Amino acid sequence: MDINVKKLMLTLLERQREYVLEDLEEYGEAMVAVFTVDGESYVSFPEFEDESSKISAYSAIVATAKSKNAVLMITVNRARTKANPTETELENYRWGDFDATNSRSCILLTASGPGLQSCSLELGFDIKDGKGHFDREPEIMNKIELNLLPDWPDAVTMTMVS
């Protein structure tokens, strides 16, 4: 199965950008797109309120993906991002450490799967005077270690986004 991961991620990113513009303050949707070895795909919309419920929601998605022999999983979340976090901040990060007072919102997409090198796209945005203001280009990160999805492979052989 041949999937253009970068193109797919950029398409999903644009869709999420449109959702933010439609519902500025309330946008908070999470989405997971899963692709199987036989070309099937499906989408889940996990709901969570805190780190524990997020882990539970994604664990269930991973279990289903593994049972269906998934080869790629793309997560889409509204998140908080901080410019130039220190190494200590990254190493010690816990859910909620970045909040509205010390960070900005972003749409964060990650791609991972068995035999794939995990990557992410991050598009920062601010909401001012009732309008969404987005960064010009998403930040692309290759060869990342996600540790986002319990029991889901997120490393190894090829660079997915360039």
N, C-alpha and C. Protein backbone atom coordinates (compact mmCIF):
# COMPACT_ATOMS: atom_id res chain seq x y z
N MET A 1 0.84 -1.17 0.00
CA MET A 1 0.00 0.00 0.00
C MET A 1 0.89 1.24 0.00
N ASP A 2 0.61 2.16 -0.91
CA ASP A 2 1.43 3.35 -1.05
C ASP A 2 0.60 4.57 -0.66
N ILE A 3 0.99 5.22 0.43
CA ILE A 3 0.27 6.39 0.93
C ILE A 3 1.24 7.57 0.94
N ASN A 4 0.82 8.69 0.37
CA ASN A 4 1.60 9.91 0.45
C ASN A 4 1.26 10.57 1.79
N VAL A 5 2.04 10.25 2.80
CA VAL A 5 1.74 10.67 4.16
C VAL A 5 1.76 12.20 4.29
N LYS A 6 2.74 12.83 3.68
CA LYS A 6 2.83 14.29 3.78
C LYS A 6 1.58 14.94 3.19
N LYS A 7 1.17 14.51 2.01
CA LYS A 7 -0.01 15.09 1.36
C LYS A 7 -1.26 14.85 2.21
N LEU A 8 -1.39 13.66 2.73
CA LEU A 8 -2.54 13.33 3.57
C LEU A 8 -2.56 14.20 4.83
N MET A 9 -1.40 14.36 5.47
CA MET A 9 -1.33 15.18 6.68
C MET A 9 -1.67 16.65 6.38
N LEU A 10 -1.18 17.16 5.25
CA LEU A 10 -1.47 18.55 4.90
C LEU A 10 -2.96 18.74 4.60
N THR A 11 -3.60 17.75 3.99
CA THR A 11 -5.03 17.81 3.74
C THR A 11 -5.81 17.83 5.05
N LEU A 12 -5.44 16.95 5.98
CA LEU A 12 -6.10 16.92 7.29
C LEU A 12 -5.85 18.22 8.06
N LEU A 13 -4.65 18.76 7.95
CA LEU A 13 -4.32 20.01 8.62
C LEU A 13 -5.20 21.15 8.10
N GLU A 14 -5.39 21.22 6.79
CA GLU A 14 -6.22 22.27 6.22
C GLU A 14 -7.67 22.12 6.67
N ARG A 15 -8.16 20.90 6.74
CA ARG A 15 -9.52 20.66 7.21
C ARG A 15 -9.68 21.15 8.65
N GLN A 16 -8.71 20.85 9.50
CA GLN A 16 -8.77 21.27 10.89
C GLN A 16 -8.66 22.79 11.01
N ARG A 17 -7.85 23.41 10.17
CA ARG A 17 -7.73 24.87 10.16
C ARG A 17 -9.10 25.50 9.88
N GLU A 18 -9.83 24.93 8.93
CA GLU A 18 -11.17 25.42 8.62
C GLU A 18 -12.11 25.25 9.81
N TYR A 19 -12.00 24.14 10.53
CA TYR A 19 -12.83 23.93 11.72
C TYR A 19 -12.55 24.98 12.78
N VAL A 20 -11.29 25.32 12.97
CA VAL A 20 -10.93 26.36 13.95
C VAL A 20 -11.59 27.68 13.55
N LEU A 21 -11.51 28.03 12.28
CA LEU A 21 -12.09 29.30 11.82
C LEU A 21 -13.61 29.32 11.97
N GLU A 22 -14.24 28.16 11.86
CA GLU A 22 -15.69 28.08 12.01
C GLU A 22 -16.13 28.23 13.47
N ASP A 23 -15.31 27.74 14.39
CA ASP A 23 -15.72 27.67 15.79
C ASP A 23 -14.53 28.05 16.67
N LEU A 24 -14.15 29.32 16.62
CA LEU A 24 -12.91 29.79 17.21
C LEU A 24 -12.66 29.36 18.65
N GLU A 25 -13.55 29.65 19.53
CA GLU A 25 -13.30 29.41 20.95
C GLU A 25 -13.59 27.98 21.38
N GLU A 26 -14.49 27.32 20.69
CA GLU A 26 -14.93 26.01 21.14
C GLU A 26 -14.19 24.85 20.46
N TYR A 27 -13.44 25.14 19.42
CA TYR A 27 -12.77 24.07 18.71
C TYR A 27 -11.86 23.29 19.65
N GLY A 28 -12.03 22.00 19.67
CA GLY A 28 -11.17 21.17 20.51
C GLY A 28 -11.22 19.72 20.07
N GLU A 29 -11.67 19.50 18.87
CA GLU A 29 -11.84 18.15 18.37
C GLU A 29 -10.53 17.40 18.25
N ALA A 30 -10.57 16.15 18.61
CA ALA A 30 -9.45 15.25 18.37
C ALA A 30 -9.92 14.25 17.32
N MET A 31 -9.01 13.84 16.46
CA MET A 31 -9.36 12.90 15.41
C MET A 31 -8.18 11.95 15.19
N VAL A 32 -8.50 10.70 14.87
CA VAL A 32 -7.48 9.73 14.53
C VAL A 32 -7.90 9.04 13.24
N ALA A 33 -7.04 9.08 12.23
CA ALA A 33 -7.28 8.37 10.98
C ALA A 33 -6.36 7.15 10.96
N VAL A 34 -6.94 5.99 10.66
CA VAL A 34 -6.20 4.73 10.69
C VAL A 34 -6.29 4.08 9.31
N PHE A 35 -5.15 3.57 8.83
CA PHE A 35 -5.08 2.94 7.51
C PHE A 35 -4.52 1.53 7.67
N THR A 36 -5.17 0.57 7.04
CA THR A 36 -4.76 -0.83 7.17
C THR A 36 -3.98 -1.29 5.96
N VAL A 37 -3.33 -2.43 6.10
CA VAL A 37 -2.49 -2.98 5.05
C VAL A 37 -3.30 -3.31 3.79
N ASP A 38 -4.57 -3.61 3.93
CA ASP A 38 -5.39 -3.94 2.76
C ASP A 38 -6.09 -2.73 2.15
N GLY A 39 -5.68 -1.53 2.53
CA GLY A 39 -6.20 -0.32 1.92
C GLY A 39 -7.45 0.25 2.56
N GLU A 40 -7.93 -0.37 3.60
CA GLU A 40 -9.09 0.16 4.32
C GLU A 40 -8.64 1.32 5.21
N SER A 41 -9.60 2.19 5.53
CA SER A 41 -9.30 3.28 6.47
C SER A 41 -10.56 3.59 7.27
N TYR A 42 -10.35 4.16 8.42
CA TYR A 42 -11.47 4.61 9.25
C TYR A 42 -10.99 5.74 10.14
N VAL A 43 -11.95 6.49 10.66
CA VAL A 43 -11.67 7.66 11.48
C VAL A 43 -12.36 7.49 12.83
N SER A 44 -11.67 7.87 13.89
CA SER A 44 -12.24 7.89 15.25
C SER A 44 -12.14 9.31 15.79
N PHE A 45 -13.06 9.64 16.68
CA PHE A 45 -13.06 10.95 17.32
C PHE A 45 -13.04 10.75 18.83
N PRO A 46 -11.83 10.56 19.40
CA PRO A 46 -11.75 10.31 20.84
C PRO A 46 -12.15 11.55 21.64
N GLU A 47 -12.75 11.30 22.79
CA GLU A 47 -13.09 12.38 23.70
C GLU A 47 -12.37 12.14 25.01
N PHE A 48 -11.80 13.20 25.57
CA PHE A 48 -11.08 13.08 26.83
C PHE A 48 -11.05 14.42 27.53
N GLU A 49 -10.92 14.37 28.83
CA GLU A 49 -10.91 15.57 29.67
C GLU A 49 -9.57 15.80 30.35
N ASP A 50 -8.78 14.74 30.47
CA ASP A 50 -7.51 14.86 31.18
C ASP A 50 -6.55 13.80 30.63
N GLU A 51 -5.36 13.77 31.18
CA GLU A 51 -4.33 12.86 30.66
C GLU A 51 -4.76 11.40 30.77
N SER A 52 -5.37 11.03 31.89
CA SER A 52 -5.79 9.65 32.09
C SER A 52 -6.84 9.22 31.07
N SER A 53 -7.84 10.06 30.83
CA SER A 53 -8.88 9.69 29.87
C SER A 53 -8.34 9.74 28.44
N LYS A 54 -7.34 10.58 28.18
CA LYS A 54 -6.70 10.61 26.86
C LYS A 54 -5.96 9.29 26.61
N ILE A 55 -5.22 8.82 27.60
CA ILE A 55 -4.49 7.55 27.47
C ILE A 55 -5.47 6.41 27.24
N SER A 56 -6.57 6.39 27.98
CA SER A 56 -7.58 5.34 27.81
C SER A 56 -8.19 5.38 26.42
N ALA A 57 -8.55 6.57 25.96
CA ALA A 57 -9.17 6.70 24.63
C ALA A 57 -8.22 6.23 23.54
N TYR A 58 -6.96 6.68 23.60
CA TYR A 58 -6.00 6.28 22.57
C TYR A 58 -5.62 4.81 22.69
N SER A 59 -5.59 4.28 23.89
CA SER A 59 -5.30 2.84 24.06
C SER A 59 -6.34 2.00 23.34
N ALA A 60 -7.61 2.38 23.46
CA ALA A 60 -8.67 1.64 22.79
C ALA A 60 -8.53 1.74 21.27
N ILE A 61 -8.17 2.92 20.77
CA ILE A 61 -7.97 3.10 19.33
C ILE A 61 -6.81 2.25 18.84
N VAL A 62 -5.72 2.24 19.60
CA VAL A 62 -4.55 1.44 19.23
C VAL A 62 -4.90 -0.05 19.21
N ALA A 63 -5.64 -0.52 20.20
CA ALA A 63 -6.02 -1.93 20.24
C ALA A 63 -6.81 -2.32 19.00
N THR A 64 -7.75 -1.47 18.61
CA THR A 64 -8.54 -1.74 17.40
C THR A 64 -7.65 -1.70 16.16
N ALA A 65 -6.78 -0.70 16.09
CA ALA A 65 -5.88 -0.57 14.93
C ALA A 65 -4.99 -1.80 14.79
N LYS A 66 -4.44 -2.26 15.89
CA LYS A 66 -3.58 -3.45 15.85
C LYS A 66 -4.37 -4.68 15.42
N SER A 67 -5.60 -4.82 15.88
CA SER A 67 -6.41 -5.98 15.52
C SER A 67 -6.78 -5.98 14.04
N LYS A 68 -6.76 -4.80 13.43
CA LYS A 68 -7.09 -4.68 12.00
C LYS A 68 -5.84 -4.56 11.13
N ASN A 69 -4.66 -4.84 11.73
CA ASN A 69 -3.39 -4.78 11.00
C ASN A 69 -3.13 -3.41 10.38
N ALA A 70 -3.33 -2.38 11.15
CA ALA A 70 -3.10 -1.01 10.67
C ALA A 70 -1.61 -0.79 10.40
N VAL A 71 -1.33 0.00 9.37
CA VAL A 71 0.04 0.33 9.02
C VAL A 71 0.37 1.80 9.24
N LEU A 72 -0.66 2.61 9.44
CA LEU A 72 -0.45 4.04 9.63
C LEU A 72 -1.57 4.59 10.50
N MET A 73 -1.18 5.45 11.43
CA MET A 73 -2.15 6.16 12.24
C MET A 73 -1.75 7.63 12.26
N ILE A 74 -2.71 8.49 11.96
CA ILE A 74 -2.48 9.93 12.02
C ILE A 74 -3.40 10.50 13.10
N THR A 75 -2.81 11.16 14.08
CA THR A 75 -3.59 11.81 15.12
C THR A 75 -3.65 13.30 14.82
N VAL A 76 -4.78 13.91 15.16
CA VAL A 76 -4.98 15.34 14.99
C VAL A 76 -5.56 15.87 16.29
N ASN A 77 -4.87 16.82 16.90
CA ASN A 77 -5.32 17.38 18.17
C ASN A 77 -5.08 18.88 18.22
N ARG A 78 -5.94 19.56 18.96
CA ARG A 78 -5.62 20.94 19.33
C ARG A 78 -4.71 20.81 20.54
N ALA A 79 -3.63 21.54 20.53
CA ALA A 79 -2.66 21.43 21.61
C ALA A 79 -2.13 22.81 21.95
N ARG A 80 -1.20 22.84 22.89
CA ARG A 80 -0.50 24.07 23.25
C ARG A 80 0.95 23.88 22.85
N THR A 81 1.55 24.94 22.39
CA THR A 81 2.95 24.88 21.97
C THR A 81 3.70 26.07 22.56
N LYS A 82 4.97 25.88 22.74
CA LYS A 82 5.79 26.93 23.31
C LYS A 82 7.05 27.05 22.47
N ALA A 83 7.38 28.28 22.10
CA ALA A 83 8.58 28.51 21.31
C ALA A 83 9.82 28.23 22.15
N ASN A 84 10.71 27.48 21.60
CA ASN A 84 12.01 27.20 22.21
C ASN A 84 11.93 26.71 23.66
N PRO A 85 11.19 25.63 23.92
CA PRO A 85 11.18 25.10 25.29
C PRO A 85 12.57 24.59 25.65
N THR A 86 12.92 24.69 26.92
CA THR A 86 14.22 24.20 27.36
C THR A 86 14.21 22.67 27.37
N GLU A 87 15.37 22.08 27.38
CA GLU A 87 15.50 20.62 27.45
C GLU A 87 14.81 20.08 28.70
N THR A 88 14.96 20.79 29.80
CA THR A 88 14.32 20.38 31.05
C THR A 88 12.81 20.41 30.93
N GLU A 89 12.26 21.46 30.29
CA GLU A 89 10.81 21.53 30.10
C GLU A 89 10.31 20.35 29.27
N LEU A 90 11.05 20.00 28.24
CA LEU A 90 10.65 18.87 27.40
C LEU A 90 10.74 17.55 28.14
N GLU A 91 11.80 17.34 28.85
CA GLU A 91 11.99 16.08 29.58
C GLU A 91 10.97 15.90 30.70
N ASN A 92 10.59 17.01 31.35
CA ASN A 92 9.69 16.93 32.50
C ASN A 92 8.25 17.27 32.17
N TYR A 93 7.93 17.42 30.88
CA TYR A 93 6.59 17.85 30.49
C TYR A 93 5.52 16.89 30.99
N ARG A 94 4.46 17.46 31.51
CA ARG A 94 3.26 16.72 31.92
C ARG A 94 2.06 17.44 31.35
N TRP A 95 0.98 16.71 31.15
CA TRP A 95 -0.27 17.26 30.63
C TRP A 95 -0.58 18.58 31.35
N GLY A 96 -0.85 19.62 30.58
CA GLY A 96 -1.27 20.89 31.15
C GLY A 96 -0.15 21.84 31.52
N ASP A 97 1.12 21.42 31.36
CA ASP A 97 2.22 22.32 31.71
C ASP A 97 2.22 23.59 30.87
N PHE A 98 1.86 23.45 29.61
CA PHE A 98 1.77 24.62 28.74
C PHE A 98 0.31 25.06 28.76
N ASP A 99 0.06 26.27 29.26
CA ASP A 99 -1.31 26.76 29.30
C ASP A 99 -1.38 28.11 28.59
N ALA A 100 -2.54 28.72 28.63
CA ALA A 100 -2.76 29.96 27.89
C ALA A 100 -1.84 31.10 28.31
N THR A 101 -1.28 31.03 29.51
CA THR A 101 -0.43 32.12 29.96
C THR A 101 1.01 32.01 29.46
N ASN A 102 1.45 30.81 29.09
CA ASN A 102 2.85 30.67 28.69
C ASN A 102 3.02 29.95 27.35
N SER A 103 1.94 29.86 26.55
CA SER A 103 2.04 29.16 25.28
C SER A 103 0.95 29.64 24.35
N ARG A 104 0.92 29.07 23.16
CA ARG A 104 -0.14 29.40 22.22
C ARG A 104 -0.77 28.13 21.68
N SER A 105 -1.91 28.26 21.07
CA SER A 105 -2.61 27.10 20.52
C SER A 105 -1.96 26.65 19.22
N CYS A 106 -2.15 25.37 18.93
CA CYS A 106 -1.71 24.84 17.65
C CYS A 106 -2.58 23.65 17.27
N ILE A 107 -2.56 23.34 16.00
CA ILE A 107 -3.12 22.08 15.52
C ILE A 107 -1.91 21.17 15.34
N LEU A 108 -1.94 20.03 16.00
CA LEU A 108 -0.81 19.10 16.00
C LEU A 108 -1.24 17.79 15.35
N LEU A 109 -0.53 17.40 14.31
CA LEU A 109 -0.76 16.11 13.66
C LEU A 109 0.48 15.26 13.85
N THR A 110 0.27 13.98 14.14
CA THR A 110 1.38 13.04 14.19
C THR A 110 1.06 11.87 13.29
N ALA A 111 2.09 11.30 12.68
CA ALA A 111 1.94 10.10 11.86
C ALA A 111 2.90 9.05 12.39
N SER A 112 2.38 7.82 12.56
CA SER A 112 3.21 6.74 13.09
C SER A 112 2.65 5.41 12.63
N GLY A 113 3.47 4.39 12.78
CA GLY A 113 3.03 3.04 12.45
C GLY A 113 4.19 2.08 12.39
N PRO A 114 3.89 0.79 12.29
CA PRO A 114 4.94 -0.23 12.22
C PRO A 114 5.85 0.00 11.01
N GLY A 115 7.13 0.08 11.25
CA GLY A 115 8.10 0.24 10.17
C GLY A 115 8.19 1.64 9.60
N LEU A 116 7.49 2.60 10.19
CA LEU A 116 7.53 3.97 9.72
C LEU A 116 8.27 4.84 10.72
N GLN A 117 8.91 5.88 10.21
CA GLN A 117 9.54 6.85 11.09
C GLN A 117 8.49 7.89 11.45
N SER A 118 8.21 8.07 12.71
CA SER A 118 7.19 9.01 13.14
C SER A 118 7.56 10.44 12.79
N CYS A 119 6.54 11.24 12.53
CA CYS A 119 6.75 12.64 12.21
C CYS A 119 5.55 13.43 12.69
N SER A 120 5.69 14.74 12.68
CA SER A 120 4.57 15.58 13.07
C SER A 120 4.54 16.87 12.26
N LEU A 121 3.37 17.45 12.21
CA LEU A 121 3.15 18.79 11.65
C LEU A 121 2.49 19.60 12.75
N GLU A 122 2.94 20.81 12.93
CA GLU A 122 2.37 21.69 13.94
C GLU A 122 2.11 23.04 13.31
N LEU A 123 0.87 23.53 13.41
CA LEU A 123 0.52 24.84 12.89
C LEU A 123 -0.01 25.68 14.04
N GLY A 124 0.77 26.68 14.43
CA GLY A 124 0.39 27.55 15.53
C GLY A 124 -0.66 28.56 15.11
N PHE A 125 -1.48 28.96 16.09
CA PHE A 125 -2.47 29.99 15.82
C PHE A 125 -2.84 30.73 17.10
N ASP A 126 -3.36 31.93 16.89
CA ASP A 126 -3.87 32.75 17.98
C ASP A 126 -5.27 33.21 17.60
N ILE A 127 -6.08 33.47 18.60
CA ILE A 127 -7.41 34.02 18.37
C ILE A 127 -7.42 35.41 18.99
N LYS A 128 -7.55 36.42 18.14
CA LYS A 128 -7.55 37.81 18.60
C LYS A 128 -8.68 38.55 17.91
N ASP A 129 -9.40 39.32 18.69
CA ASP A 129 -10.50 40.14 18.16
C ASP A 129 -11.48 39.31 17.35
N GLY A 130 -11.75 38.09 17.81
CA GLY A 130 -12.73 37.24 17.15
C GLY A 130 -12.28 36.64 15.83
N LYS A 131 -10.98 36.66 15.57
CA LYS A 131 -10.46 36.10 14.32
C LYS A 131 -9.30 35.16 14.61
N GLY A 132 -9.20 34.11 13.80
CA GLY A 132 -8.07 33.18 13.91
C GLY A 132 -6.91 33.67 13.07
N HIS A 133 -5.73 33.68 13.67
CA HIS A 133 -4.51 34.09 12.97
C HIS A 133 -3.52 32.93 13.01
N PHE A 134 -3.22 32.37 11.85
CA PHE A 134 -2.38 31.18 11.75
C PHE A 134 -0.97 31.51 11.30
N ASP A 135 -0.01 30.71 11.74
CA ASP A 135 1.33 30.81 11.20
C ASP A 135 1.26 30.55 9.70
N ARG A 136 2.24 31.06 8.97
CA ARG A 136 2.22 30.90 7.50
C ARG A 136 2.43 29.45 7.08
N GLU A 137 3.33 28.75 7.73
CA GLU A 137 3.66 27.38 7.36
C GLU A 137 3.67 26.50 8.61
N PRO A 138 3.31 25.23 8.46
CA PRO A 138 3.42 24.33 9.61
C PRO A 138 4.88 23.98 9.87
N GLU A 139 5.17 23.72 11.12
CA GLU A 139 6.50 23.22 11.48
C GLU A 139 6.48 21.71 11.28
N ILE A 140 7.46 21.20 10.57
CA ILE A 140 7.55 19.77 10.28
C ILE A 140 8.69 19.19 11.10
N MET A 141 8.40 18.10 11.81
CA MET A 141 9.43 17.43 12.61
C MET A 141 9.50 15.97 12.18
N ASN A 142 10.66 15.54 11.76
CA ASN A 142 10.90 14.16 11.35
C ASN A 142 11.58 13.38 12.46
N LYS A 143 11.48 12.09 12.36
CA LYS A 143 12.21 11.18 13.24
C LYS A 143 11.98 11.54 14.71
N ILE A 144 10.73 11.67 15.09
CA ILE A 144 10.41 12.02 16.46
C ILE A 144 10.03 10.77 17.24
N GLU A 145 10.19 10.85 18.53
CA GLU A 145 9.75 9.78 19.43
C GLU A 145 8.47 10.27 20.08
N LEU A 146 7.34 9.68 19.69
CA LEU A 146 6.05 10.18 20.14
C LEU A 146 5.72 9.86 21.58
N ASN A 147 5.76 8.58 21.91
CA ASN A 147 5.29 8.12 23.22
C ASN A 147 3.89 8.64 23.50
N LEU A 148 3.12 8.83 22.44
CA LEU A 148 1.77 9.37 22.55
C LEU A 148 0.74 8.26 22.64
N LEU A 149 0.98 7.20 21.89
CA LEU A 149 0.00 6.14 21.78
C LEU A 149 0.53 4.88 22.46
N PRO A 150 -0.04 4.51 23.58
CA PRO A 150 0.45 3.33 24.31
C PRO A 150 0.42 2.08 23.42
N ASP A 151 1.50 1.32 23.43
CA ASP A 151 1.62 0.06 22.70
C ASP A 151 1.54 0.20 21.19
N TRP A 152 1.80 1.38 20.66
CA TRP A 152 1.79 1.58 19.21
C TRP A 152 3.21 1.93 18.77
N PRO A 153 3.73 1.23 17.75
CA PRO A 153 5.09 1.53 17.29
C PRO A 153 5.18 2.93 16.70
N ASP A 154 6.26 3.62 17.02
CA ASP A 154 6.40 4.98 16.49
C ASP A 154 7.83 5.30 16.07
N ALA A 155 8.50 4.30 15.51
CA ALA A 155 9.86 4.59 15.09
C ALA A 155 10.24 3.74 13.91
N VAL A 156 11.29 3.80 13.38
CA VAL A 156 12.25 2.90 12.85
C VAL A 156 12.82 3.23 11.47
N THR A 157 12.15 2.93 10.36
CA THR A 157 12.97 2.80 9.17
C THR A 157 12.99 3.90 8.14
N MET A 158 11.95 4.66 7.96
CA MET A 158 12.00 5.62 6.87
C MET A 158 11.46 6.98 7.26
N THR A 159 12.00 8.01 6.64
CA THR A 159 11.54 9.37 6.88
C THR A 159 10.25 9.58 6.10
N MET A 160 9.23 10.06 6.78
CA MET A 160 7.91 10.18 6.16
C MET A 160 7.64 11.58 5.60
N VAL A 161 8.17 12.60 6.19
CA VAL A 161 7.86 13.97 5.76
C VAL A 161 9.17 14.70 5.51
N SER A 162 9.21 15.45 4.43
CA SER A 162 10.41 16.25 4.17
C SER A 162 10.02 17.61 3.66
